[in-house]
PDB file of N, CA and C in Angstrom:
ATOM      1  N   MET A   1     -13.804  -6.407   3.066  1.00  0.00           N
ATOM      2  CA  MET A   1     -12.836  -6.295   5.068  1.00  0.00           C
ATOM      3  C   MET A   1     -12.283  -5.163   2.617  1.00  0.00           C
ATOM      4  N   SER A   2     -12.044  -4.297   3.827  1.00  0.00           N
ATOM      5  CA  SER A   2     -10.855  -2.974   3.123  1.00  0.00           C
ATOM      6  C   SER A   2      -9.387  -3.498   2.905  1.00  0.00           C
ATOM      7  N   ALA A   3      -8.796  -3.700   1.939  1.00  0.00           N
ATOM      8  CA  ALA A   3      -6.810  -4.810   2.072  1.00  0.00           C
ATOM      9  C   ALA A   3      -6.754  -2.556   1.431  1.00  0.00           C
ATOM     10  N   TYR A   4      -5.302  -3.155   1.665  1.00  0.00           N
ATOM     11  CA  TYR A   4      -4.490  -1.972   1.156  1.00  0.00           C
ATOM     12  C   TYR A   4      -2.981  -2.788   0.968  1.00  0.00           C
ATOM     13  N   ALA A   5      -2.147  -1.911  -0.262  1.00  0.00           N
ATOM     14  CA  ALA A   5      -1.594  -1.619  -0.898  1.00  0.00           C
ATOM     15  C   ALA A   5      -0.384  -0.444   0.148  1.00  0.00           C
ATOM     16  N   LEU A   6       0.369  -1.045   0.448  1.00  0.00           N
ATOM     17  CA  LEU A   6       0.562  -0.109   1.372  1.00  0.00           C
ATOM     18  C   LEU A   6       2.447   0.491   0.503  1.00  0.00           C
ATOM     19  N   ALA A   7       3.094   0.867   0.575  1.00  0.00           N
ATOM     20  CA  ALA A   7       4.211   1.132  -0.132  1.00  0.00           C
ATOM     21  C   ALA A   7       5.442   2.210   0.241  1.00  0.00           C
ATOM     22  N   HIS A   8       6.713   1.904   0.498  1.00  0.00           N
ATOM     23  CA  HIS A   8       7.026   2.718   1.388  1.00  0.00           C
ATOM     24  C   HIS A   8       8.321   3.317   0.324  1.00  0.00           C
ATOM     25  N   LEU A   9       8.285   4.200   0.406  1.00  0.00           N
ATOM     26  CA  LEU A   9       9.613   4.242  -1.294  1.00  0.00           C
ATOM     27  C   LEU A   9      10.488   5.078  -0.501  1.00  0.00           C
ATOM     28  N   ARG A  10      12.139   5.435  -1.118  1.00  0.00           N
ATOM     29  CA  ARG A  10      13.433   5.789  -0.513  1.00  0.00           C
ATOM     30  C   ARG A  10      12.978   7.358  -1.207  1.00  0.00           C
ATOM     31  N   ARG A  11      13.443   8.251  -1.187  1.00  0.00           N
ATOM     32  CA  ARG A  11      13.392   9.256  -1.507  1.00  0.00           C
ATOM     33  C   ARG A  11      14.252   9.109  -3.017  1.00  0.00           C
ATOM     34  N   ALA A  12      13.492   9.964  -4.006  1.00  0.00           N
ATOM     35  CA  ALA A  12      15.099  10.242  -5.109  1.00  0.00           C
ATOM     36  C   ALA A  12      14.712  10.828  -6.254  1.00  0.00           C
ATOM     37  N   PRO A  13      15.950  10.945  -6.724  1.00  0.00           N
ATOM     38  CA  PRO A  13      15.599  13.113  -7.566  1.00  0.00           C
ATOM     39  C   PRO A  13      14.218  12.212  -8.768  1.00  0.00           C
ATOM     40  N   VAL A  14      13.859  13.990  -8.745  1.00  0.00           N
ATOM     41  CA  VAL A  14      12.956  13.472  -9.786  1.00  0.00           C
ATOM     42  C   VAL A  14      13.541  13.017 -11.364  1.00  0.00           C
ATOM     43  N   HIS A  15      12.461  11.738 -11.620  1.00  0.00           N
ATOM     44  CA  HIS A  15      12.933  11.571 -13.025  1.00  0.00           C
ATOM     45  C   HIS A  15      11.648  10.815 -14.103  1.00  0.00           C
ATOM     46  N   ALA A  16      11.636  11.133 -14.828  1.00  0.00           N
ATOM     47  CA  ALA A  16      10.561  11.352 -16.225  1.00  0.00           C
ATOM     48  C   ALA A  16       9.476  10.258 -16.461  1.00  0.00           C
ATOM     49  N   GLU A  17      10.703   9.257 -15.744  1.00  0.00           N
ATOM     50  CA  GLU A  17       9.465   7.816 -16.155  1.00  0.00           C
ATOM     51  C   GLU A  17       8.958   8.045 -14.654  1.00  0.00           C
ATOM     52  N   VAL A  18       9.056   8.483 -13.429  1.00  0.00           N
ATOM     53  CA  VAL A  18       8.515   8.083 -12.725  1.00  0.00           C
ATOM     54  C   VAL A  18       7.421   9.143 -12.897  1.00  0.00           C
ATOM     55  N   LEU A  19       7.572  10.859 -13.686  1.00  0.00           N
ATOM     56  CA  LEU A  19       6.179  11.173 -13.004  1.00  0.00           C
ATOM     57  C   LEU A  19       5.344  10.295 -14.575  1.00  0.00           C
ATOM     58  N   GLU A  20       5.854  10.125 -15.331  1.00  0.00           N
ATOM     59  CA  GLU A  20       4.816   8.838 -15.719  1.00  0.00           C
ATOM     60  C   GLU A  20       4.606   8.182 -15.672  1.00  0.00           C
ATOM     61  N   TYR A  21       5.203   7.361 -14.773  1.00  0.00           N
ATOM     62  CA  TYR A  21       4.469   6.082 -13.290  1.00  0.00           C
ATOM     63  C   TYR A  21       3.231   6.490 -13.382  1.00  0.00           C
ATOM     64  N   MET A  22       3.671   8.249 -12.475  1.00  0.00           N
ATOM     65  CA  MET A  22       2.116   8.397 -11.554  1.00  0.00           C
ATOM     66  C   MET A  22       0.920   8.930 -12.419  1.00  0.00           C
ATOM     67  N   GLU A  23       1.463  10.103 -13.588  1.00  0.00           N
ATOM     68  CA  GLU A  23       0.075   9.800 -14.485  1.00  0.00           C
ATOM     69  C   GLU A  23      -0.097   8.482 -14.811  1.00  0.00           C
ATOM     70  N   ARG A  24      -0.160   7.631 -15.557  1.00  0.00           N
ATOM     71  CA  ARG A  24      -0.917   6.527 -15.823  1.00  0.00           C
ATOM     72  C   ARG A  24      -1.730   5.346 -14.670  1.00  0.00           C
ATOM     73  N   ILE A  25      -1.110   5.324 -13.406  1.00  0.00           N
ATOM     74  CA  ILE A  25      -1.600   4.350 -12.817  1.00  0.00           C
ATOM     75  C   ILE A  25      -2.878   4.803 -11.918  1.00  0.00           C
ATOM     76  N   GLU A  26      -3.688   5.912 -12.058  1.00  0.00           N
ATOM     77  CA  GLU A  26      -4.882   5.817 -11.734  1.00  0.00           C
ATOM     78  C   GLU A  26      -5.781   5.044 -12.707  1.00  0.00           C
ATOM     79  N   ALA A  27      -5.303   4.968 -14.035  1.00  0.00           N
ATOM     80  CA  ALA A  27      -6.398   3.905 -14.061  1.00  0.00           C
ATOM     81  C   ALA A  27      -5.865   2.027 -13.823  1.00  0.00           C
ATOM     82  N   THR A  28      -5.074   2.268 -13.721  1.00  0.00           N
ATOM     83  CA  THR A  28      -4.569   0.717 -13.154  1.00  0.00           C
ATOM     84  C   THR A  28      -5.463   0.532 -12.389  1.00  0.00           C
ATOM     85  N   LEU A  29      -6.042   1.156 -11.664  1.00  0.00           N
ATOM     86  CA  LEU A  29      -6.671   1.264 -10.535  1.00  0.00           C
ATOM     87  C   LEU A  29      -7.634   0.836 -10.756  1.00  0.00           C
ATOM     88  N   ALA A  30      -8.489   1.942 -10.918  1.00  0.00           N
ATOM     89  CA  ALA A  30      -9.877   1.890 -11.588  1.00  0.00           C
ATOM     90  C   ALA A  30     -11.065   1.217 -11.811  1.00  0.00           C
ATOM     91  N   PRO A  31     -10.367  -0.465 -12.418  1.00  0.00           N
ATOM     92  CA  PRO A  31     -10.994  -2.093 -12.260  1.00  0.00           C
ATOM     93  C   PRO A  31     -10.950  -2.212 -11.811  1.00  0.00           C
ATOM     94  N   TYR A  32     -10.267  -2.191 -10.162  1.00  0.00           N
ATOM     95  CA  TYR A  32      -9.984  -3.016  -9.947  1.00  0.00           C
ATOM     96  C   TYR A  32     -11.150  -2.731  -8.171  1.00  0.00           C
ATOM     97  N   GLU A  33     -11.275  -0.579  -8.123  1.00  0.00           N
ATOM     98  CA  GLU A  33     -11.743   0.416  -7.490  1.00  0.00           C
ATOM     99  C   GLU A  33     -10.399  -0.178  -6.250  1.00  0.00           C
ATOM    100  N   GLY A  34      -9.720   0.735  -6.587  1.00  0.00           N
ATOM    101  CA  GLY A  34      -8.877   1.558  -5.938  1.00  0.00           C
ATOM    102  C   GLY A  34      -8.896   2.504  -5.946  1.00  0.00           C
ATOM    103  N   ARG A  35      -8.294   3.435  -5.119  1.00  0.00           N
ATOM    104  CA  ARG A  35      -8.136   4.641  -4.298  1.00  0.00           C
ATOM    105  C   ARG A  35      -6.569   4.946  -3.545  1.00  0.00           C
ATOM    106  N   PHE A  36      -6.107   6.479  -3.871  1.00  0.00           N
ATOM    107  CA  PHE A  36      -5.171   6.519  -3.334  1.00  0.00           C
ATOM    108  C   PHE A  36      -5.994   6.840  -2.125  1.00  0.00           C
ATOM    109  N   ILE A  37      -5.647   6.667  -0.749  1.00  0.00           N
ATOM    110  CA  ILE A  37      -6.659   7.312   0.338  1.00  0.00           C
ATOM    111  C   ILE A  37      -4.524   8.501   1.403  1.00  0.00           C
ATOM    112  N   VAL A  38      -3.376   7.977   1.540  1.00  0.00           N
ATOM    113  CA  VAL A  38      -2.188   8.070   1.125  1.00  0.00           C
ATOM    114  C   VAL A  38      -1.225   8.555  -0.099  1.00  0.00           C
ATOM    115  N   HIS A  39      -0.722   9.862  -0.258  1.00  0.00           N
ATOM    116  CA  HIS A  39       0.412   9.675  -1.333  1.00  0.00           C
ATOM    117  C   HIS A  39       1.382   9.861  -1.012  1.00  0.00           C
ATOM    118  N   GLY A  40       1.724   9.817  -0.280  1.00  0.00           N
ATOM    119  CA  GLY A  40       3.479  10.327   0.090  1.00  0.00           C
ATOM    120  C   GLY A  40       3.039  12.132   0.178  1.00  0.00           C
ATOM    121  N   GLY A  41       1.943  11.946   1.747  1.00  0.00           N
ATOM    122  CA  GLY A  41       1.598  12.921   2.441  1.00  0.00           C
ATOM    123  C   GLY A  41       3.349  13.377   3.418  1.00  0.00           C
ATOM    124  N   THR A  42       2.904  14.388   4.184  1.00  0.00           N
ATOM    125  CA  THR A  42       3.947  14.911   5.648  1.00  0.00           C
ATOM    126  C   THR A  42       3.624  13.357   6.590  1.00  0.00           C
ATOM    127  N   VAL A  43       5.621  13.374   6.936  1.00  0.00           N
ATOM    128  CA  VAL A  43       5.654  11.829   7.291  1.00  0.00           C
ATOM    129  C   VAL A  43       5.980  12.346   9.214  1.00  0.00           C
ATOM    130  N   ASP A  44       5.663  12.469  10.063  1.00  0.00           N
ATOM    131  CA  ASP A  44       5.842  12.879  11.065  1.00  0.00           C
ATOM    132  C   ASP A  44       6.201  11.245  11.674  1.00  0.00           C
ATOM    133  N   VAL A  45       7.547  11.374  11.746  1.00  0.00           N
ATOM    134  CA  VAL A  45       8.216  10.149  12.552  1.00  0.00           C
ATOM    135  C   VAL A  45       8.504  10.270  13.812  1.00  0.00           C
ATOM    136  N   LEU A  46       7.648   9.117  14.263  1.00  0.00           N
ATOM    137  CA  LEU A  46       7.634   9.421  16.185  1.00  0.00           C
ATOM    138  C   LEU A  46       8.288   8.550  16.434  1.00  0.00           C
ATOM    139  N   GLU A  47       8.959   6.851  16.404  1.00  0.00           N
ATOM    140  CA  GLU A  47       9.690   6.157  16.638  1.00  0.00           C
ATOM    141  C   GLU A  47      10.451   5.746  15.534  1.00  0.00           C
ATOM    142  N   GLY A  48      12.202   5.449  15.939  1.00  0.00           N
ATOM    143  CA  GLY A  48      12.439   4.660  14.679  1.00  0.00           C
ATOM    144  C   GLY A  48      13.225   5.720  12.816  1.00  0.00           C
ATOM    145  N   GLU A  49      13.383   5.501  12.492  1.00  0.00           N
ATOM    146  CA  GLU A  49      13.148   6.450  10.746  1.00  0.00           C
ATOM    147  C   GLU A  49      12.693   5.434  10.131  1.00  0.00           C
ATOM    148  N   TRP A  50      12.045   6.427   9.257  1.00  0.00           N
ATOM    149  CA  TRP A  50      11.158   7.343   8.013  1.00  0.00           C
ATOM    150  C   TRP A  50      12.194   7.013   6.576  1.00  0.00           C
ATOM    151  N   PRO A  51      13.213   6.486   6.060  1.00  0.00           N
ATOM    152  CA  PRO A  51      13.577   7.704   5.171  1.00  0.00           C
ATOM    153  C   PRO A  51      12.793   7.488   3.573  1.00  0.00           C
ATOM    154  N   GLY A  52      11.984   8.438   3.820  1.00  0.00           N
ATOM    155  CA  GLY A  52      11.338   8.268   2.773  1.00  0.00           C
ATOM    156  C   GLY A  52      10.110   8.187   3.010  1.00  0.00           C
ATOM    157  N   ASP A  53       8.824   8.159   1.885  1.00  0.00           N
ATOM    158  CA  ASP A  53       7.080   8.604   1.363  1.00  0.00           C
ATOM    159  C   ASP A  53       6.524   6.714   2.044  1.00  0.00           C
ATOM    160  N   VAL A  54       5.244   7.767   2.168  1.00  0.00           N
ATOM    161  CA  VAL A  54       3.909   6.199   2.108  1.00  0.00           C
ATOM    162  C   VAL A  54       3.274   6.965   1.492  1.00  0.00           C
ATOM    163  N   VAL A  55       2.779   5.162   0.177  1.00  0.00           N
ATOM    164  CA  VAL A  55       2.112   5.450  -0.242  1.00  0.00           C
ATOM    165  C   VAL A  55       0.855   4.535   0.359  1.00  0.00           C
ATOM    166  N   ILE A  56       0.270   4.728   0.187  1.00  0.00           N
ATOM    167  CA  ILE A  56      -1.680   3.581   0.937  1.00  0.00           C
ATOM    168  C   ILE A  56      -2.287   3.866  -0.125  1.00  0.00           C
ATOM    169  N   ILE A  57      -3.074   2.571  -1.249  1.00  0.00           N
ATOM    170  CA  ILE A  57      -4.177   2.198  -1.730  1.00  0.00           C
ATOM    171  C   ILE A  57      -5.415   1.440  -1.225  1.00  0.00           C
ATOM    172  N   GLU A  58      -6.633   1.786  -1.144  1.00  0.00           N
ATOM    173  CA  GLU A  58      -7.567   1.318  -0.414  1.00  0.00           C
ATOM    174  C   GLU A  58      -8.579   0.368  -2.078  1.00  0.00           C
ATOM    175  N   PHE A  59      -8.194  -0.917  -1.008  1.00  0.00           N
ATOM    176  CA  PHE A  59      -9.425  -1.674  -2.351  1.00  0.00           C
ATOM    177  C   PHE A  59     -10.381  -2.089  -1.399  1.00  0.00           C
ATOM    178  N   PRO A  60     -11.820  -2.620  -2.514  1.00  0.00           N
ATOM    179  CA  PRO A  60     -12.205  -3.178  -1.611  1.00  0.00           C
ATOM    180  C   PRO A  60     -12.598  -4.407  -0.568  1.00  0.00           C
ATOM    181  N   ASP A  61     -11.105  -5.728  -1.191  1.00  0.00           N
ATOM    182  CA  ASP A  61     -11.246  -5.787  -0.287  1.00  0.00           C
ATOM    183  C   ASP A  61      -8.877  -7.137  -0.662  1.00  0.00           C
ATOM    184  N   LEU A  62      -9.424  -8.109  -0.633  1.00  0.00           N
ATOM    185  CA  LEU A  62      -7.368  -8.252  -1.304  1.00  0.00           C
ATOM    186  C   LEU A  62      -7.396  -8.453  -2.592  1.00  0.00           C
ATOM    187  N   ASP A  63      -8.109  -9.716  -2.672  1.00  0.00           N
ATOM    188  CA  ASP A  63      -8.733  -9.827  -4.411  1.00  0.00           C
ATOM    189  C   ASP A  63      -8.383  -9.165  -5.104  1.00  0.00           C
ATOM    190  N   SER A  64      -9.312  -8.149  -4.617  1.00  0.00           N
ATOM    191  CA  SER A  64      -9.170  -7.111  -5.682  1.00  0.00           C
ATOM    192  C   SER A  64      -7.517  -6.088  -5.922  1.00  0.00           C
ATOM    193  N   ALA A  65      -7.340  -5.681  -4.877  1.00  0.00           N
ATOM    194  CA  ALA A  65      -5.376  -5.668  -4.725  1.00  0.00           C
ATOM    195  C   ALA A  65      -4.749  -7.086  -4.891  1.00  0.00           C
ATOM    196  N   ARG A  66      -4.254  -7.788  -4.451  1.00  0.00           N
ATOM    197  CA  ARG A  66      -4.027  -8.633  -6.212  1.00  0.00           C
ATOM    198  C   ARG A  66      -4.366  -8.854  -7.452  1.00  0.00           C
ATOM    199  N   SER A  67      -5.183  -8.773  -7.929  1.00  0.00           N
ATOM    200  CA  SER A  67      -5.924  -8.705  -9.213  1.00  0.00           C
ATOM    201  C   SER A  67      -4.686  -7.234  -9.728  1.00  0.00           C
ATOM    202  N   TRP A  68      -5.459  -6.602  -8.705  1.00  0.00           N
ATOM    203  CA  TRP A  68      -4.037  -4.799  -8.667  1.00  0.00           C
ATOM    204  C   TRP A  68      -3.235  -5.232  -9.663  1.00  0.00           C
ATOM    205  N   TYR A  69      -2.033  -5.915  -8.462  1.00  0.00           N
ATOM    206  CA  TYR A  69      -0.933  -5.131  -8.631  1.00  0.00           C
ATOM    207  C   TYR A  69      -0.665  -6.319  -9.643  1.00  0.00           C
ATOM    208  N   ALA A  70      -1.346  -7.663  -9.894  1.00  0.00           N
ATOM    209  CA  ALA A  70      -0.659  -8.671 -11.499  1.00  0.00           C
ATOM    210  C   ALA A  70      -1.178  -8.602 -12.678  1.00  0.00           C
ATOM    211  N   SER A  71      -1.897  -7.048 -12.723  1.00  0.00           N
ATOM    212  CA  SER A  71      -3.135  -7.428 -14.426  1.00  0.00           C
ATOM    213  C   SER A  71      -2.318  -6.966 -13.860  1.00  0.00           C
ATOM    214  N   ALA A  72      -2.503  -6.960 -16.106  1.00  0.00           N
ATOM    215  CA  ALA A  72      -1.228  -6.939 -17.466  1.00  0.00           C
ATOM    216  C   ALA A  72      -0.815  -5.205 -17.065  1.00  0.00           C
ATOM    217  N   SER A  73      -1.729  -4.434 -16.688  1.00  0.00           N
ATOM    218  CA  SER A  73      -1.936  -2.653 -16.700  1.00  0.00           C
ATOM    219  C   SER A  73      -1.170  -2.339 -16.269  1.00  0.00           C
ATOM    220  N   TYR A  74      -0.779  -2.837 -14.540  1.00  0.00           N
ATOM    221  CA  TYR A  74      -0.211  -2.514 -13.261  1.00  0.00           C
ATOM    222  C   TYR A  74       1.373  -2.826 -13.727  1.00  0.00           C
ATOM    223  N   GLN A  75       0.981  -4.223 -14.865  1.00  0.00           N
ATOM    224  CA  GLN A  75       3.037  -4.506 -14.973  1.00  0.00           C
ATOM    225  C   GLN A  75       3.729  -3.884 -15.857  1.00  0.00           C
ATOM    226  N   GLU A  76       2.952  -3.252 -16.913  1.00  0.00           N
ATOM    227  CA  GLU A  76       2.877  -3.013 -17.052  1.00  0.00           C
ATOM    228  C   GLU A  76       3.911  -1.664 -17.411  1.00  0.00           C
ATOM    229  N   ILE A  77       3.558  -1.439 -16.235  1.00  0.00           N
ATOM    230  CA  ILE A  77       4.306   0.512 -15.563  1.00  0.00           C
ATOM    231  C   ILE A  77       4.940   0.167 -14.057  1.00  0.00           C
ATOM    232  N   LYS A  78       4.958  -0.897 -13.835  1.00  0.00           N
ATOM    233  CA  LYS A  78       5.989  -0.665 -13.345  1.00  0.00           C
ATOM    234  C   LYS A  78       6.771  -0.526 -13.473  1.00  0.00           C
ATOM    235  N   PRO A  79       8.306  -1.197 -13.619  1.00  0.00           N
ATOM    236  CA  PRO A  79       9.428  -0.667 -14.754  1.00  0.00           C
ATOM    237  C   PRO A  79       9.264   0.331 -14.644  1.00  0.00           C
ATOM    238  N   LEU A  80       9.119   2.101 -14.492  1.00  0.00           N
ATOM    239  CA  LEU A  80       8.824   2.593 -14.537  1.00  0.00           C
ATOM    240  C   LEU A  80       9.354   3.010 -13.583  1.00  0.00           C
ATOM    241  N   ARG A  81       8.577   2.874 -12.337  1.00  0.00           N
ATOM    242  CA  ARG A  81       8.728   2.746 -10.597  1.00  0.00           C
ATOM    243  C   ARG A  81      10.331   2.602 -10.357  1.00  0.00           C
ATOM    244  N   THR A  82      10.516   1.292 -10.507  1.00  0.00           N
ATOM    245  CA  THR A  82      11.242   0.263  -9.878  1.00  0.00           C
ATOM    246  C   THR A  82      12.746   0.451 -10.309  1.00  0.00           C
ATOM    247  N   ARG A  83      12.512   0.803 -11.095  1.00  0.00           N
ATOM    248  CA  ARG A  83      13.796   1.763 -12.425  1.00  0.00           C
ATOM    249  C   ARG A  83      14.828   2.672 -11.182  1.00  0.00           C
ATOM    250  N   HIS A  84      13.871   3.586 -10.662  1.00  0.00           N
ATOM    251  CA  HIS A  84      13.961   4.093 -10.178  1.00  0.00           C
ATOM    252  C   HIS A  84      13.881   4.708  -8.660  1.00  0.00           C
ATOM    253  N   LEU A  85      12.515   4.045  -7.942  1.00  0.00           N
ATOM    254  CA  LEU A  85      12.448   4.002  -6.724  1.00  0.00           C
ATOM    255  C   LEU A  85      12.137   3.198  -5.706  1.00  0.00           C
ATOM    256  N   ALA A  86      13.971   2.994  -4.975  1.00  0.00           N
ATOM    257  CA  ALA A  86      13.472   1.968  -4.415  1.00  0.00           C
ATOM    258  C   ALA A  86      12.516   1.668  -2.775  1.00  0.00           C
ATOM    259  N   GLY A  87      12.698   0.940  -2.538  1.00  0.00           N
ATOM    260  CA  GLY A  87      11.715   0.324  -1.304  1.00  0.00           C
ATOM    261  C   GLY A  87      10.456  -0.922  -1.162  1.00  0.00           C
ATOM    262  N   GLU A  88      10.740  -0.984  -0.120  1.00  0.00           N
ATOM    263  CA  GLU A  88       8.643  -2.022  -0.670  1.00  0.00           C
ATOM    264  C   GLU A  88       7.728  -1.951  -0.266  1.00  0.00           C
ATOM    265  N   LEU A  89       7.060  -2.424  -1.232  1.00  0.00           N
ATOM    266  CA  LEU A  89       5.620  -3.037  -2.163  1.00  0.00           C
ATOM    267  C   LEU A  89       4.650  -3.631  -0.425  1.00  0.00           C
ATOM    268  N   ILE A  90       3.655  -3.196   0.021  1.00  0.00           N
ATOM    269  CA  ILE A  90       3.009  -5.054   0.181  1.00  0.00           C
ATOM    270  C   ILE A  90       1.856  -4.785   0.520  1.00  0.00           C
ATOM    271  N   ILE A  91       1.139  -6.254   0.092  1.00  0.00           N
ATOM    272  CA  ILE A  91      -0.293  -6.286   0.618  1.00  0.00           C
ATOM    273  C   ILE A  91      -1.026  -6.875   1.677  1.00  0.00           C
ATOM    274  N   VAL A  92      -1.586  -6.264   2.872  1.00  0.00           N
ATOM    275  CA  VAL A  92      -2.321  -6.389   3.601  1.00  0.00           C
ATOM    276  C   VAL A  92      -4.290  -5.770   4.104  1.00  0.00           C
ATOM    277  N   ASP A  93      -3.942  -7.200   4.658  1.00  0.00           N
ATOM    278  CA  ASP A  93      -6.469  -6.950   4.675  1.00  0.00           C
ATOM    279  C   ASP A  93      -6.184  -6.593   5.675  1.00  0.00           C
ATOM    280  N   GLY A  94      -7.739  -5.002   5.479  1.00  0.00           N
ATOM    281  CA  GLY A  94      -7.710  -3.811   6.993  1.00  0.00           C
ATOM    282  C   GLY A  94      -8.321  -5.342   7.714  1.00  0.00           C
ATOM    283  N   VAL A  95      -8.957  -4.336   9.114  1.00  0.00           N
ATOM    284  CA  VAL A  95     -10.167  -4.433  10.226  1.00  0.00           C
ATOM    285  C   VAL A  95     -11.578  -4.549  10.014  1.00  0.00           C
ATOM    286  N   GLU A  96     -12.745  -5.925  10.553  1.00  0.00           N
ATOM    287  CA  GLU A  96     -13.388  -5.786  10.223  1.00  0.00           C
ATOM    288  C   GLU A  96     -14.085  -4.184  11.478  1.00  0.00           C
ATOM    289  N   PRO A  97     -15.093  -3.346  11.253  1.00  0.00           N
ATOM    290  CA  PRO A  97     -15.061  -2.123  11.419  1.00  0.00           C
ATOM    291  C   PRO A  97     -16.059  -2.149  13.259  1.00  0.00           C
ATOM    292  N   ASP A  98     -15.760  -3.701  13.179  1.00  0.00           N
ATOM    293  CA  ASP A  98     -16.099  -3.605  15.305  1.00  0.00           C
ATOM    294  C   ASP A  98     -14.990  -4.139  15.772  1.00  0.00           C
ATOM    295  N   HIS A  99     -13.331  -4.318  15.087  1.00  0.00           N
ATOM    296  CA  HIS A  99     -12.568  -4.540  15.881  1.00  0.00           C
ATOM    297  C   HIS A  99     -11.886  -4.063  16.534  1.00  0.00           C
ATOM    298  N   ASP A 100     -11.747  -4.840  18.206  1.00  0.00           N
ATOM    299  CA  ASP A 100     -11.343  -4.800  18.981  1.00  0.00           C
ATOM    300  C   ASP A 100      -9.886  -5.464  19.596  1.00  0.00           C
ATOM    301  N   SER A 101      -9.117  -4.609  19.814  1.00  0.00           N
ATOM    302  CA  SER A 101      -7.873  -4.700  20.185  1.00  0.00           C
ATOM    303  C   SER A 101      -7.292  -5.347  21.065  1.00  0.00           C
ATOM    304  N   SER A 102      -8.556  -5.370  22.420  1.00  0.00           N
ATOM    305  CA  SER A 102      -8.340  -5.832  23.735  1.00  0.00           C
ATOM    306  C   SER A 102      -9.313  -6.849  23.943  1.00  0.00           C
ATOM    307  N   ARG A 103      -9.682  -7.561  22.763  1.00  0.00           N
ATOM    308  CA  ARG A 103     -10.327  -8.599  21.910  1.00  0.00           C
ATOM    309  C   ARG A 103      -9.544  -9.455  21.456  1.00  0.00           C
ATOM    310  N   MET A 104      -9.171  -8.796  19.997  1.00  0.00           N
ATOM    311  CA  MET A 104      -7.884  -9.762  20.370  1.00  0.00           C
ATOM    312  C   MET A 104      -6.320  -9.683  20.979  1.00  0.00           C
ATOM    313  N   ALA A 105      -6.732  -9.441  21.827  1.00  0.00           N
ATOM    314  CA  ALA A 105      -5.158  -9.628  23.095  1.00  0.00           C
ATOM    315  C   ALA A 105      -5.592 -10.839  23.917  1.00  0.00           C
ATOM    316  N   ALA A 106      -7.245 -10.732  24.071  1.00  0.00           N
ATOM    317  CA  ALA A 106      -7.402 -11.813  24.642  1.00  0.00           C
ATOM    318  C   ALA A 106      -7.799 -12.402  23.977  1.00  0.00           C
ATOM    319  N   ASP A 107      -8.016 -12.832  23.193  1.00  0.00           N
ATOM    320  CA  ASP A 107      -8.345 -13.524  22.172  1.00  0.00           C
ATOM    321  C   ASP A 107      -6.989 -14.642  21.312  1.00  0.00           C
ATOM    322  N   VAL A 108      -5.529 -13.913  21.887  1.00  0.00           N
ATOM    323  CA  VAL A 108      -4.361 -14.637  21.784  1.00  0.00           C
ATOM    324  C   VAL A 108      -3.628 -15.387  23.175  1.00  0.00           C
ATOM    325  N   ARG A 109      -5.033 -14.257  24.384  1.00  0.00           N
ATOM    326  CA  ARG A 109      -3.797 -14.899  25.728  1.00  0.00           C
ATOM    327  C   ARG A 109      -4.616 -16.232  25.546  1.00  0.00           C
ATOM    328  N   ARG A 110      -6.137 -16.725  25.594  1.00  0.00           N
ATOM    329  CA  ARG A 110      -6.369 -17.394  25.515  1.00  0.00           C
ATOM    330  C   ARG A 110      -5.561 -18.884  24.725  1.00  0.00           C
ATOM    331  N   ALA A 111      -5.448 -18.490  23.801  1.00  0.00           N
ATOM    332  CA  ALA A 111      -4.419 -19.828  22.849  1.00  0.00           C
ATOM    333  C   ALA A 111      -2.934 -19.906  23.752  1.00  0.00           C
ATOM    334  N   ALA A 112      -2.665 -18.821  24.335  1.00  0.00           N
ATOM    335  CA  ALA A 112      -1.687 -19.405  24.122  1.00  0.00           C
ATOM    336  C   ALA A 112      -0.948 -19.634  25.616  1.00  0.00           C
ATOM    337  N   ASN A 113      -2.251 -20.266  25.964  1.00  0.00           N
ATOM    338  CA  ASN A 113      -2.090 -20.304  27.730  1.00  0.00           C
ATOM    339  C   ASN A 113      -1.715 -19.502  28.207  1.00  0.00           C
ATOM    340  N   LEU A 114      -1.754 -17.273  28.015  1.00  0.00           N
ATOM    341  CA  LEU A 114      -1.584 -16.503  29.429  1.00  0.00           C
ATOM    342  C   LEU A 114      -2.148 -15.667  30.004  1.00  0.00           C
TER     343      LEU A 114
END
């Protein structure tokens, strides 16, 4: 099951270190089969506030995503981003191809006796 690294990054002035981070991150993803599926595209805010950009990287599974984040190659470049861009980064499991929200709700109802 795919897993995703999702970052919500606040906009900041362009900095040479952030550009270096962007130039080097692809090489850190390759060994873990990571690939960008969203990288700072247009954000159309429909509810609430979203001050910043979105980055989503897909991995084959949760272990690959965690291994990438913990890797020496990523940890080496991470400060190039974190020194200049505030934000949050999470790793999350995706859903199976046959995921069904109504079936999930039914399971939760049963478990909660609702």
